[in-house]
C-alpha atoms as a PDB file:
ATOM      1  CA  UNK A   1       0.000   0.000   0.000  1.00  0.00           C
ATOM      2  CA  UNK A   2       1.105   3.525  -0.599  1.00  0.00           C
ATOM      3  CA  UNK A   3       1.675   5.907   2.285  1.00  0.00           C
ATOM      4  CA  UNK A   4      -1.596   7.525   3.285  1.00  0.00           C
ATOM      5  CA  UNK A   5      -3.781   4.964   1.563  1.00  0.00           C
ATOM      6  CA  UNK A   6      -6.959   3.982   3.375  1.00  0.00           C
ATOM      7  CA  UNK A   7      -9.192   0.955   3.232  1.00  0.00           C
ATOM      8  CA  UNK A   8     -12.807   0.972   4.337  1.00  0.00           C
ATOM      9  CA  UNK A   9     -14.766  -2.251   4.662  1.00  0.00           C
ATOM     10  CA  UNK A  10     -18.562  -2.122   4.566  1.00  0.00           C
ATOM     11  CA  UNK A  11     -20.968  -4.980   5.075  1.00  0.00           C
ATOM     12  CA  UNK A  12     -23.357  -6.704   7.387  1.00  0.00           C
ATOM     13  CA  UNK A  13     -22.476  -8.067  10.809  1.00  0.00           C
ATOM     14  CA  UNK A  14     -20.517 -11.312  10.832  1.00  0.00           C
ATOM     15  CA  UNK A  15     -19.060 -11.177   7.337  1.00  0.00           C
ATOM     16  CA  UNK A  16     -15.408 -10.984   8.446  1.00  0.00           C
ATOM     17  CA  UNK A  17     -14.651  -7.287   7.954  1.00  0.00           C
ATOM     18  CA  UNK A  18     -12.733  -6.955  11.221  1.00  0.00           C
ATOM     19  CA  UNK A  19     -10.870 -10.227  10.657  1.00  0.00           C
ATOM     20  CA  UNK A  20      -9.806  -9.121   7.179  1.00  0.00           C
ATOM     21  CA  UNK A  21      -8.815  -5.617   8.312  1.00  0.00           C
ATOM     22  CA  UNK A  22      -6.668  -6.945  11.155  1.00  0.00           C
ATOM     23  CA  UNK A  23      -5.033  -9.543   8.889  1.00  0.00           C
ATOM     24  CA  UNK A  24      -4.144  -6.832   6.372  1.00  0.00           C
ATOM     25  CA  UNK A  25      -2.815  -4.583   9.154  1.00  0.00           C
ATOM     26  CA  UNK A  26      -0.606  -7.424  10.425  1.00  0.00           C
ATOM     27  CA  UNK A  27       0.788  -7.992   6.933  1.00  0.00           C
ATOM     28  CA  UNK A  28       1.462  -4.278   6.453  1.00  0.00           C
ATOM     29  CA  UNK A  29       3.296  -4.146   9.798  1.00  0.00           C
ATOM     30  CA  UNK A  30       5.237  -7.321   8.958  1.00  0.00           C
ATOM     31  CA  UNK A  31       6.575  -5.384   5.969  1.00  0.00           C
ATOM     32  CA  UNK A  32       7.830  -2.634   8.271  1.00  0.00           C
ATOM     33  CA  UNK A  33       5.039  -0.139   7.647  1.00  0.00           C
ATOM     34  CA  UNK A  34       2.574   1.428  10.065  1.00  0.00           C
ATOM     35  CA  UNK A  35      -1.076   0.427  10.172  1.00  0.00           C
ATOM     36  CA  UNK A  36      -4.023   1.793  12.116  1.00  0.00           C
ATOM     37  CA  UNK A  37      -7.274  -0.063  12.735  1.00  0.00           C
ATOM     38  CA  UNK A  38     -10.230   2.056  13.821  1.00  0.00           C
ATOM     39  CA  UNK A  39     -13.834   0.968  14.199  1.00  0.00           C
ATOM     40  CA  UNK A  40     -16.434   3.248  12.614  1.00  0.00           C
ATOM     41  CA  UNK A  41     -17.967   4.642  15.799  1.00  0.00           C
ATOM     42  CA  UNK A  42     -14.560   5.586  17.186  1.00  0.00           C
ATOM     43  CA  UNK A  43     -13.702   7.412  13.962  1.00  0.00           C
ATOM     44  CA  UNK A  44     -17.044   9.241  14.009  1.00  0.00           C
ATOM     45  CA  UNK A  45     -16.539  10.202  17.661  1.00  0.00           C
ATOM     46  CA  UNK A  46     -13.097  11.615  16.816  1.00  0.00           C
ATOM     47  CA  UNK A  47     -14.554  13.754  14.024  1.00  0.00           C
ATOM     48  CA  UNK A  48     -17.376  14.977  16.286  1.00  0.00           C
ATOM     49  CA  UNK A  49     -14.864  15.941  18.971  1.00  0.00           C
ATOM     50  CA  UNK A  50     -12.871  17.940  16.425  1.00  0.00           C
ATOM     51  CA  UNK A  51     -15.977  19.962  15.547  1.00  0.00           C
ATOM     52  CA  UNK A  52     -16.906  20.373  19.219  1.00  0.00           C
ATOM     53  CA  UNK A  53     -13.411  21.667  20.042  1.00  0.00           C
ATOM     54  CA  UNK A  54     -13.591  24.161  17.177  1.00  0.00           C
ATOM     55  CA  UNK A  55     -17.034  25.339  18.343  1.00  0.00           C
ATOM     56  CA  UNK A  56     -15.747  25.870  21.888  1.00  0.00           C
ATOM     57  CA  UNK A  57     -12.896  28.001  20.549  1.00  0.00           C
ATOM     58  CA  UNK A  58     -15.308  30.166  18.524  1.00  0.00           C
ATOM     59  CA  UNK A  59     -17.758  30.644  21.390  1.00  0.00           C
ATOM     60  CA  UNK A  60     -17.661  34.281  22.588  1.00  0.00           C
ATOM     61  CA  UNK A  61     -16.774  34.825  26.226  1.00  0.00           C
END
């Protein structure tokens, strides 16, 4: 994979998305590269927090 490339797996529960993602991450790391595995809700929460932080900074005192 190229630096900065992302993979997103979509599908119904129990189809092996997590298993496949972790297996790919292990292979990437075995080749000396970095890999990050993030579940959807955690990624969404991180984005929401970014917006919340920005809103707090804009809020007049």
